Amino acid sequence: MVNASRESAAVESVHRLGRSADKVKMAVVDTIEDGKMAAERLLKRSRFAVEDAVAESVHGIRRNPVISVALAFTAGLISGLLVSYIRRPVRNGPEQ
């Protein structure tokens, strides 16, 4: 009789653990799905933001082409000067 009650208690414990594991599994799955949906929304919003920025840039270039070319030239010039300055060899002192 005592063994039967212990056995039924053990079976009940196993069933409780199984239900708890199912709850944890469902919580994990829900969290992963929520994260996936949030990432998809973020990706979609980011894509729209990039498309809007490109369209705005094209519009600005068409509105002011001379200024756009001047800005591009200046950016290239500054980049080239910075790269040549960084790549310049360092001298350790007077050469002999």
PDB file of N, CA and C in Angstrom:
ATOM      1  N   MET A   1       0.808  -1.176   0.000  1.00  0.00           N
ATOM      2  CA  MET A   1       0.000   0.000   0.000  1.00  0.00           C
ATOM      3  C   MET A   1       0.862   1.254   0.000  1.00  0.00           C
ATOM      4  N   VAL A   2       1.931   1.242   0.799  1.00  0.00           N
ATOM      5  CA  VAL A   2       2.817   2.385   0.871  1.00  0.00           C
ATOM      6  C   VAL A   2       3.546   2.552  -0.456  1.00  0.00           C
ATOM      7  N   ASN A   3       3.946   1.434  -1.062  1.00  0.00           N
ATOM      8  CA  ASN A   3       4.638   1.495  -2.348  1.00  0.00           C
ATOM      9  C   ASN A   3       3.731   2.053  -3.431  1.00  0.00           C
ATOM     10  N   ALA A   4       2.464   1.720  -3.372  1.00  0.00           N
ATOM     11  CA  ALA A   4       1.507   2.204  -4.372  1.00  0.00           C
ATOM     12  C   ALA A   4       1.331   3.716  -4.246  1.00  0.00           C
ATOM     13  N   SER A   5       1.283   4.226  -3.016  1.00  0.00           N
ATOM     14  CA  SER A   5       1.125   5.675  -2.843  1.00  0.00           C
ATOM     15  C   SER A   5       2.394   6.409  -3.269  1.00  0.00           C
ATOM     16  N   ARG A   6       3.542   5.821  -3.001  1.00  0.00           N
ATOM     17  CA  ARG A   6       4.801   6.429  -3.443  1.00  0.00           C
ATOM     18  C   ARG A   6       4.883   6.427  -4.969  1.00  0.00           C
ATOM     19  N   GLU A   7       4.433   5.316  -5.516  1.00  0.00           N
ATOM     20  CA  GLU A   7       4.464   5.191  -6.971  1.00  0.00           C
ATOM     21  C   GLU A   7       3.512   6.199  -7.619  1.00  0.00           C
ATOM     22  N   SER A   8       2.338   6.357  -7.072  1.00  0.00           N
ATOM     23  CA  SER A   8       1.391   7.319  -7.635  1.00  0.00           C
ATOM     24  C   SER A   8       1.899   8.757  -7.428  1.00  0.00           C
ATOM     25  N   ALA A   9       2.569   9.010  -6.311  1.00  0.00           N
ATOM     26  CA  ALA A   9       3.150  10.334  -6.083  1.00  0.00           C
ATOM     27  C   ALA A   9       4.271  10.597  -7.085  1.00  0.00           C
ATOM     28  N   ALA A  10       5.068   9.593  -7.375  1.00  0.00           N
ATOM     29  CA  ALA A  10       6.147   9.741  -8.349  1.00  0.00           C
ATOM     30  C   ALA A  10       5.578   9.994  -9.744  1.00  0.00           C
ATOM     31  N   VAL A  11       4.514   9.252 -10.085  1.00  0.00           N
ATOM     32  CA  VAL A  11       3.882   9.438 -11.388  1.00  0.00           C
ATOM     33  C   VAL A  11       3.308  10.854 -11.493  1.00  0.00           C
ATOM     34  N   GLU A  12       2.666  11.305 -10.415  1.00  0.00           N
ATOM     35  CA  GLU A  12       2.105  12.661 -10.405  1.00  0.00           C
ATOM     36  C   GLU A  12       3.211  13.707 -10.540  1.00  0.00           C
ATOM     37  N   SER A  13       4.343  13.482  -9.893  1.00  0.00           N
ATOM     38  CA  SER A  13       5.481  14.404 -10.003  1.00  0.00           C
ATOM     39  C   SER A  13       5.995  14.451 -11.444  1.00  0.00           C
ATOM     40  N   VAL A  14       6.061  13.298 -12.067  1.00  0.00           N
ATOM     41  CA  VAL A  14       6.514  13.238 -13.466  1.00  0.00           C
ATOM     42  C   VAL A  14       5.539  13.992 -14.357  1.00  0.00           C
ATOM     43  N   HIS A  15       4.248  13.824 -14.127  1.00  0.00           N
ATOM     44  CA  HIS A  15       3.246  14.541 -14.919  1.00  0.00           C
ATOM     45  C   HIS A  15       3.351  16.054 -14.707  1.00  0.00           C
ATOM     46  N   ARG A  16       3.568  16.471 -13.468  1.00  0.00           N
ATOM     47  CA  ARG A  16       3.729  17.899 -13.194  1.00  0.00           C
ATOM     48  C   ARG A  16       4.962  18.457 -13.896  1.00  0.00           C
ATOM     49  N   LEU A  17       6.054  17.694 -13.854  1.00  0.00           N
ATOM     50  CA  LEU A  17       7.269  18.128 -14.540  1.00  0.00           C
ATOM     51  C   LEU A  17       7.033  18.232 -16.045  1.00  0.00           C
ATOM     52  N   GLY A  18       6.297  17.283 -16.589  1.00  0.00           N
ATOM     53  CA  GLY A  18       5.974  17.322 -18.016  1.00  0.00           C
ATOM     54  C   GLY A  18       5.153  18.544 -18.372  1.00  0.00           C
ATOM     55  N   ARG A  19       4.155  18.873 -17.548  1.00  0.00           N
ATOM     56  CA  ARG A  19       3.338  20.059 -17.795  1.00  0.00           C
ATOM     57  C   ARG A  19       4.178  21.333 -17.670  1.00  0.00           C
ATOM     58  N   SER A  20       5.063  21.350 -16.673  1.00  0.00           N
ATOM     59  CA  SER A  20       5.937  22.518 -16.502  1.00  0.00           C
ATOM     60  C   SER A  20       6.866  22.670 -17.710  1.00  0.00           C
ATOM     61  N   ALA A  21       7.399  21.559 -18.193  1.00  0.00           N
ATOM     62  CA  ALA A  21       8.272  21.608 -19.363  1.00  0.00           C
ATOM     63  C   ALA A  21       7.504  22.109 -20.584  1.00  0.00           C
ATOM     64  N   ASP A  22       6.245  21.679 -20.739  1.00  0.00           N
ATOM     65  CA  ASP A  22       5.426  22.158 -21.848  1.00  0.00           C
ATOM     66  C   ASP A  22       5.191  23.664 -21.748  1.00  0.00           C
ATOM     67  N   LYS A  23       4.935  24.148 -20.528  1.00  0.00           N
ATOM     68  CA  LYS A  23       4.723  25.580 -20.338  1.00  0.00           C
ATOM     69  C   LYS A  23       5.988  26.373 -20.682  1.00  0.00           C
ATOM     70  N   VAL A  24       7.130  25.870 -20.239  1.00  0.00           N
ATOM     71  CA  VAL A  24       8.398  26.545 -20.527  1.00  0.00           C
ATOM     72  C   VAL A  24       8.649  26.540 -22.031  1.00  0.00           C
ATOM     73  N   LYS A  25       8.384  25.408 -22.673  1.00  0.00           N
ATOM     74  CA  LYS A  25       8.590  25.295 -24.114  1.00  0.00           C
ATOM     75  C   LYS A  25       7.706  26.306 -24.851  1.00  0.00           C
ATOM     76  N   MET A  26       6.454  26.413 -24.467  1.00  0.00           N
ATOM     77  CA  MET A  26       5.544  27.349 -25.117  1.00  0.00           C
ATOM     78  C   MET A  26       5.987  28.799 -24.875  1.00  0.00           C
ATOM     79  N   ALA A  27       6.469  29.089 -23.680  1.00  0.00           N
ATOM     80  CA  ALA A  27       6.948  30.435 -23.386  1.00  0.00           C
ATOM     81  C   ALA A  27       8.155  30.777 -24.257  1.00  0.00           C
ATOM     82  N   VAL A  28       9.070  29.824 -24.418  1.00  0.00           N
ATOM     83  CA  VAL A  28      10.252  30.046 -25.247  1.00  0.00           C
ATOM     84  C   VAL A  28       9.843  30.246 -26.702  1.00  0.00           C
ATOM     85  N   VAL A  29       8.932  29.404 -27.190  1.00  0.00           N
ATOM     86  CA  VAL A  29       8.481  29.525 -28.575  1.00  0.00           C
ATOM     87  C   VAL A  29       7.802  30.876 -28.795  1.00  0.00           C
ATOM     88  N   ASP A  30       6.958  31.296 -27.852  1.00  0.00           N
ATOM     89  CA  ASP A  30       6.288  32.594 -27.974  1.00  0.00           C
ATOM     90  C   ASP A  30       7.297  33.742 -27.988  1.00  0.00           C
ATOM     91  N   THR A  31       8.299  33.657 -27.126  1.00  0.00           N
ATOM     92  CA  THR A  31       9.318  34.701 -27.072  1.00  0.00           C
ATOM     93  C   THR A  31      10.101  34.773 -28.381  1.00  0.00           C
ATOM     94  N   ILE A  32      10.448  33.613 -28.920  1.00  0.00           N
ATOM     95  CA  ILE A  32      11.186  33.583 -30.188  1.00  0.00           C
ATOM     96  C   ILE A  32      10.330  34.153 -31.315  1.00  0.00           C
ATOM     97  N   GLU A  33       9.053  33.783 -31.359  1.00  0.00           N
ATOM     98  CA  GLU A  33       8.170  34.312 -32.399  1.00  0.00           C
ATOM     99  C   GLU A  33       8.000  35.820 -32.271  1.00  0.00           C
ATOM    100  N   ASP A  34       7.873  36.314 -31.031  1.00  0.00           N
ATOM    101  CA  ASP A  34       7.754  37.755 -30.818  1.00  0.00           C
ATOM    102  C   ASP A  34       9.016  38.482 -31.300  1.00  0.00           C
ATOM    103  N   GLY A  35      10.167  37.895 -30.997  1.00  0.00           N
ATOM    104  CA  GLY A  35      11.433  38.490 -31.446  1.00  0.00           C
ATOM    105  C   GLY A  35      11.553  38.487 -32.956  1.00  0.00           C
ATOM    106  N   LYS A  36      11.105  37.410 -33.577  1.00  0.00           N
ATOM    107  CA  LYS A  36      11.162  37.314 -35.037  1.00  0.00           C
ATOM    108  C   LYS A  36      10.254  38.367 -35.672  1.00  0.00           C
ATOM    109  N   MET A  37       9.052  38.524 -35.136  1.00  0.00           N
ATOM    110  CA  MET A  37       8.126  39.523 -35.678  1.00  0.00           C
ATOM    111  C   MET A  37       8.674  40.934 -35.485  1.00  0.00           C
ATOM    112  N   ALA A  38       9.274  41.187 -34.332  1.00  0.00           N
ATOM    113  CA  ALA A  38       9.858  42.510 -34.081  1.00  0.00           C
ATOM    114  C   ALA A  38      11.009  42.779 -35.048  1.00  0.00           C
ATOM    115  N   ALA A  39      11.834  41.774 -35.304  1.00  0.00           N
ATOM    116  CA  ALA A  39      12.950  41.938 -36.234  1.00  0.00           C
ATOM    117  C   ALA A  39      12.439  42.191 -37.653  1.00  0.00           C
ATOM    118  N   GLU A  40      11.377  41.483 -38.048  1.00  0.00           N
ATOM    119  CA  GLU A  40      10.809  41.696 -39.377  1.00  0.00           C
ATOM    120  C   GLU A  40      10.237  43.106 -39.516  1.00  0.00           C
ATOM    121  N   ARG A  41       9.559  43.595 -38.466  1.00  0.00           N
ATOM    122  CA  ARG A  41       9.019  44.958 -38.500  1.00  0.00           C
ATOM    123  C   ARG A  41      10.153  45.981 -38.596  1.00  0.00           C
ATOM    124  N   LEU A  42      11.208  45.762 -37.815  1.00  0.00           N
ATOM    125  CA  LEU A  42      12.350  46.666 -37.842  1.00  0.00           C
ATOM    126  C   LEU A  42      13.004  46.674 -39.221  1.00  0.00           C
ATOM    127  N   LEU A  43      13.142  45.498 -39.816  1.00  0.00           N
ATOM    128  CA  LEU A  43      13.737  45.400 -41.141  1.00  0.00           C
ATOM    129  C   LEU A  43      12.886  46.141 -42.166  1.00  0.00           C
ATOM    130  N   LYS A  44      11.572  45.972 -42.078  1.00  0.00           N
ATOM    131  CA  LYS A  44      10.682  46.640 -43.019  1.00  0.00           C
ATOM    132  C   LYS A  44      10.754  48.164 -42.853  1.00  0.00           C
ATOM    133  N   ARG A  45      10.726  48.634 -41.596  1.00  0.00           N
ATOM    134  CA  ARG A  45      10.820  50.076 -41.357  1.00  0.00           C
ATOM    135  C   ARG A  45      12.164  50.626 -41.826  1.00  0.00           C
ATOM    136  N   SER A  46      13.230  49.865 -41.605  1.00  0.00           N
ATOM    137  CA  SER A  46      14.560  50.304 -42.029  1.00  0.00           C
ATOM    138  C   SER A  46      14.640  50.395 -43.549  1.00  0.00           C
ATOM    139  N   ARG A  47      14.054  49.402 -44.220  1.00  0.00           N
ATOM    140  CA  ARG A  47      14.066  49.413 -45.680  1.00  0.00           C
ATOM    141  C   ARG A  47      13.317  50.637 -46.207  1.00  0.00           C
ATOM    142  N   PHE A  48      12.163  50.937 -45.620  1.00  0.00           N
ATOM    143  CA  PHE A  48      11.404  52.115 -46.042  1.00  0.00           C
ATOM    144  C   PHE A  48      12.187  53.395 -45.765  1.00  0.00           C
ATOM    145  N   ALA A  49      12.871  53.461 -44.633  1.00  0.00           N
ATOM    146  CA  ALA A  49      13.660  54.646 -44.298  1.00  0.00           C
ATOM    147  C   ALA A  49      14.797  54.838 -45.299  1.00  0.00           C
ATOM    148  N   VAL A  50      15.454  53.755 -45.695  1.00  0.00           N
ATOM    149  CA  VAL A  50      16.542  53.851 -46.670  1.00  0.00           C
ATOM    150  C   VAL A  50      15.994  54.279 -48.028  1.00  0.00           C
ATOM    151  N   GLU A  51      14.858  53.699 -48.418  1.00  0.00           N
ATOM    152  CA  GLU A  51      14.258  54.091 -49.695  1.00  0.00           C
ATOM    153  C   GLU A  51      13.877  55.567 -49.682  1.00  0.00           C
ATOM    154  N   ASP A  52      13.336  56.051 -48.576  1.00  0.00           N
ATOM    155  CA  ASP A  52      12.988  57.468 -48.465  1.00  0.00           C
ATOM    156  C   ASP A  52      14.231  58.350 -48.530  1.00  0.00           C
ATOM    157  N   ALA A  53      15.296  57.919 -47.879  1.00  0.00           N
ATOM    158  CA  ALA A  53      16.534  58.703 -47.886  1.00  0.00           C
ATOM    159  C   ALA A  53      17.123  58.764 -49.293  1.00  0.00           C
ATOM    160  N   VAL A  54      17.086  57.655 -50.017  1.00  0.00           N
ATOM    161  CA  VAL A  54      17.601  57.643 -51.387  1.00  0.00           C
ATOM    162  C   VAL A  54      16.755  58.557 -52.270  1.00  0.00           C
ATOM    163  N   ALA A  55      15.432  58.461 -52.126  1.00  0.00           N
ATOM    164  CA  ALA A  55      14.552  59.318 -52.930  1.00  0.00           C
ATOM    165  C   ALA A  55      14.793  60.796 -52.598  1.00  0.00           C
ATOM    166  N   GLU A  56      14.975  61.110 -51.343  1.00  0.00           N
ATOM    167  CA  GLU A  56      15.241  62.494 -50.936  1.00  0.00           C
ATOM    168  C   GLU A  56      16.586  62.965 -51.480  1.00  0.00           C
ATOM    169  N   SER A  57      17.583  62.093 -51.489  1.00  0.00           N
ATOM    170  CA  SER A  57      18.896  62.449 -52.032  1.00  0.00           C
ATOM    171  C   SER A  57      18.803  62.728 -53.531  1.00  0.00           C
ATOM    172  N   VAL A  58      18.094  61.865 -54.245  1.00  0.00           N
ATOM    173  CA  VAL A  58      17.926  62.058 -55.687  1.00  0.00           C
ATOM    174  C   VAL A  58      17.215  63.382 -55.954  1.00  0.00           C
ATOM    175  N   HIS A  59      16.200  63.658 -55.175  1.00  0.00           N
ATOM    176  CA  HIS A  59      15.467  64.915 -55.333  1.00  0.00           C
ATOM    177  C   HIS A  59      16.375  66.118 -55.071  1.00  0.00           C
ATOM    178  N   GLY A  60      17.190  66.029 -54.013  1.00  0.00           N
ATOM    179  CA  GLY A  60      18.111  67.122 -53.701  1.00  0.00           C
ATOM    180  C   GLY A  60      19.169  67.319 -54.774  1.00  0.00           C
ATOM    181  N   ILE A  61      19.650  66.233 -55.346  1.00  0.00           N
ATOM    182  CA  ILE A  61      20.659  66.325 -56.408  1.00  0.00           C
ATOM    183  C   ILE A  61      20.053  66.962 -57.652  1.00  0.00           C
ATOM    184  N   ARG A  62      18.830  66.567 -57.969  1.00  0.00           N
ATOM    185  CA  ARG A  62      18.176  67.159 -59.144  1.00  0.00           C
ATOM    186  C   ARG A  62      17.863  68.635 -58.932  1.00  0.00           C
ATOM    187  N   ARG A  63      17.577  69.014 -57.704  1.00  0.00           N
ATOM    188  CA  ARG A  63      17.254  70.400 -57.402  1.00  0.00           C
ATOM    189  C   ARG A  63      18.502  71.283 -57.428  1.00  0.00           C
ATOM    190  N   ASN A  64      19.636  70.764 -56.926  1.00  0.00           N
ATOM    191  CA  ASN A  64      20.882  71.535 -56.831  1.00  0.00           C
ATOM    192  C   ASN A  64      22.057  70.705 -57.352  1.00  0.00           C
ATOM    193  N   PRO A  65      22.171  70.523 -58.654  1.00  0.00           N
ATOM    194  CA  PRO A  65      23.244  69.644 -59.166  1.00  0.00           C
ATOM    195  C   PRO A  65      24.641  70.214 -58.961  1.00  0.00           C
ATOM    196  N   VAL A  66      24.822  71.513 -59.060  1.00  0.00           N
ATOM    197  CA  VAL A  66      26.160  72.111 -58.923  1.00  0.00           C
ATOM    198  C   VAL A  66      26.659  71.941 -57.488  1.00  0.00           C
ATOM    199  N   ILE A  67      25.789  72.222 -56.534  1.00  0.00           N
ATOM    200  CA  ILE A  67      26.174  72.064 -55.127  1.00  0.00           C
ATOM    201  C   ILE A  67      26.479  70.596 -54.826  1.00  0.00           C
ATOM    202  N   SER A  68      25.708  69.682 -55.409  1.00  0.00           N
ATOM    203  CA  SER A  68      25.927  68.252 -55.182  1.00  0.00           C
ATOM    204  C   SER A  68      27.288  67.814 -55.702  1.00  0.00           C
ATOM    205  N   VAL A  69      27.637  68.284 -56.887  1.00  0.00           N
ATOM    206  CA  VAL A  69      28.943  67.932 -57.449  1.00  0.00           C
ATOM    207  C   VAL A  69      30.056  68.543 -56.607  1.00  0.00           C
ATOM    208  N   ALA A  70      29.877  69.767 -56.166  1.00  0.00           N
ATOM    209  CA  ALA A  70      30.895  70.424 -55.333  1.00  0.00           C
ATOM    210  C   ALA A  70      31.077  69.675 -54.009  1.00  0.00           C
ATOM    211  N   LEU A  71      29.971  69.256 -53.406  1.00  0.00           N
ATOM    212  CA  LEU A  71      30.076  68.487 -52.160  1.00  0.00           C
ATOM    213  C   LEU A  71      30.771  67.152 -52.377  1.00  0.00           C
ATOM    214  N   ALA A  72      30.448  66.473 -53.472  1.00  0.00           N
ATOM    215  CA  ALA A  72      31.092  65.190 -53.761  1.00  0.00           C
ATOM    216  C   ALA A  72      32.590  65.382 -54.000  1.00  0.00           C
ATOM    217  N   PHE A  73      32.953  66.424 -54.733  1.00  0.00           N
ATOM    218  CA  PHE A  73      34.361  66.711 -54.984  1.00  0.00           C
ATOM    219  C   PHE A  73      35.089  66.998 -53.676  1.00  0.00           C
ATOM    220  N   THR A  74      34.489  67.820 -52.818  1.00  0.00           N
ATOM    221  CA  THR A  74      35.106  68.171 -51.533  1.00  0.00           C
ATOM    222  C   THR A  74      35.267  66.943 -50.643  1.00  0.00           C
ATOM    223  N   ALA A  75      34.241  66.099 -50.604  1.00  0.00           N
ATOM    224  CA  ALA A  75      34.331  64.879 -49.793  1.00  0.00           C
ATOM    225  C   ALA A  75      35.446  63.969 -50.308  1.00  0.00           C
ATOM    226  N   GLY A  76      35.561  63.832 -51.625  1.00  0.00           N
ATOM    227  CA  GLY A  76      36.635  63.017 -52.200  1.00  0.00           C
ATOM    228  C   GLY A  76      38.003  63.591 -51.923  1.00  0.00           C
ATOM    229  N   LEU A  77      38.112  64.897 -52.039  1.00  0.00           N
ATOM    230  CA  LEU A  77      39.392  65.558 -51.778  1.00  0.00           C
ATOM    231  C   LEU A  77      39.820  65.371 -50.325  1.00  0.00           C
ATOM    232  N   ILE A  78      38.905  65.596 -49.406  1.00  0.00           N
ATOM    233  CA  ILE A  78      39.226  65.434 -47.980  1.00  0.00           C
ATOM    234  C   ILE A  78      39.581  63.987 -47.677  1.00  0.00           C
ATOM    235  N   SER A  79      38.828  63.046 -48.230  1.00  0.00           N
ATOM    236  CA  SER A  79      39.130  61.621 -48.011  1.00  0.00           C
ATOM    237  C   SER A  79      40.507  61.276 -48.541  1.00  0.00           C
ATOM    238  N   GLY A  80      40.832  61.756 -49.730  1.00  0.00           N
ATOM    239  CA  GLY A  80      42.149  61.485 -50.305  1.00  0.00           C
ATOM    240  C   GLY A  80      43.272  62.066 -49.474  1.00  0.00           C
ATOM    241  N   LEU A  81      43.084  63.292 -48.980  1.00  0.00           N
ATOM    242  CA  LEU A  81      44.109  63.911 -48.136  1.00  0.00           C
ATOM    243  C   LEU A  81      44.288  63.147 -46.832  1.00  0.00           C
ATOM    244  N   LEU A  82      43.181  62.720 -46.224  1.00  0.00           N
ATOM    245  CA  LEU A  82      43.279  61.956 -44.979  1.00  0.00           C
ATOM    246  C   LEU A  82      43.982  60.625 -45.191  1.00  0.00           C
ATOM    247  N   VAL A  83      43.648  59.940 -46.260  1.00  0.00           N
ATOM    248  CA  VAL A  83      44.287  58.644 -46.533  1.00  0.00           C
ATOM    249  C   VAL A  83      45.771  58.834 -46.794  1.00  0.00           C
ATOM    250  N   SER A  84      46.143  59.844 -47.576  1.00  0.00           N
ATOM    251  CA  SER A  84      47.566  60.055 -47.852  1.00  0.00           C
ATOM    252  C   SER A  84      48.316  60.477 -46.588  1.00  0.00           C
ATOM    253  N   TYR A  85      47.651  61.226 -45.700  1.00  0.00           N
ATOM    254  CA  TYR A  85      48.283  61.624 -44.445  1.00  0.00           C
ATOM    255  C   TYR A  85      48.477  60.416 -43.535  1.00  0.00           C
ATOM    256  N   ILE A  86      47.489  59.554 -43.482  1.00  0.00           N
ATOM    257  CA  ILE A  86      47.582  58.372 -42.615  1.00  0.00           C
ATOM    258  C   ILE A  86      48.622  57.394 -43.149  1.00  0.00           C
ATOM    259  N   ARG A  87      48.726  57.250 -44.456  1.00  0.00           N
ATOM    260  CA  ARG A  87      49.646  56.286 -45.060  1.00  0.00           C
ATOM    261  C   ARG A  87      51.083  56.807 -45.142  1.00  0.00           C
ATOM    262  N   ARG A  88      51.294  58.073 -44.834  1.00  0.00           N
ATOM    263  CA  ARG A  88      52.628  58.653 -44.915  1.00  0.00           C
ATOM    264  C   ARG A  88      53.540  57.978 -43.895  1.00  0.00           C
ATOM    265  N   PRO A  89      54.757  57.605 -44.295  1.00  0.00           N
ATOM    266  CA  PRO A  89      55.667  56.959 -43.341  1.00  0.00           C
ATOM    267  C   PRO A  89      56.092  57.927 -42.236  1.00  0.00           C
ATOM    268  N   VAL A  90      56.286  57.374 -41.052  1.00  0.00           N
ATOM    269  CA  VAL A  90      56.703  58.174 -39.906  1.00  0.00           C
ATOM    270  C   VAL A  90      58.219  58.202 -39.867  1.00  0.00           C
ATOM    271  N   ARG A  91      58.769  59.401 -39.685  1.00  0.00           N
ATOM    272  CA  ARG A  91      60.225  59.542 -39.592  1.00  0.00           C
ATOM    273  C   ARG A  91      60.609  59.575 -38.128  1.00  0.00           C
ATOM    274  N   ASN A  92      61.654  58.836 -37.791  1.00  0.00           N
ATOM    275  CA  ASN A  92      62.078  58.726 -36.398  1.00  0.00           C
ATOM    276  C   ASN A  92      63.047  59.815 -35.969  1.00  0.00           C
ATOM    277  N   GLY A  93      63.516  60.575 -36.840  1.00  0.00           N
ATOM    278  CA  GLY A  93      64.467  61.630 -36.487  1.00  0.00           C
ATOM    279  C   GLY A  93      65.215  62.095 -37.716  1.00  0.00           C
ATOM    280  N   PRO A  94      66.251  62.903 -37.505  1.00  0.00           N
ATOM    281  CA  PRO A  94      67.015  63.390 -38.660  1.00  0.00           C
ATOM    282  C   PRO A  94      67.733  62.249 -39.337  1.00  0.00           C
ATOM    283  N   GLU A  95      67.704  62.302 -40.658  1.00  0.00           N
ATOM    284  CA  GLU A  95      68.394  61.259 -41.421  1.00  0.00           C
ATOM    285  C   GLU A  95      69.882  61.586 -41.515  1.00  0.00           C
ATOM    286  N   GLN A  96      70.688  60.555 -41.476  1.00  0.00           N
ATOM    287  CA  GLN A  96      72.142  60.770 -41.558  1.00  0.00           C
ATOM    288  C   GLN A  96      72.718  60.060 -42.723  1.00  0.00           C
TER     289      GLN A  96
END
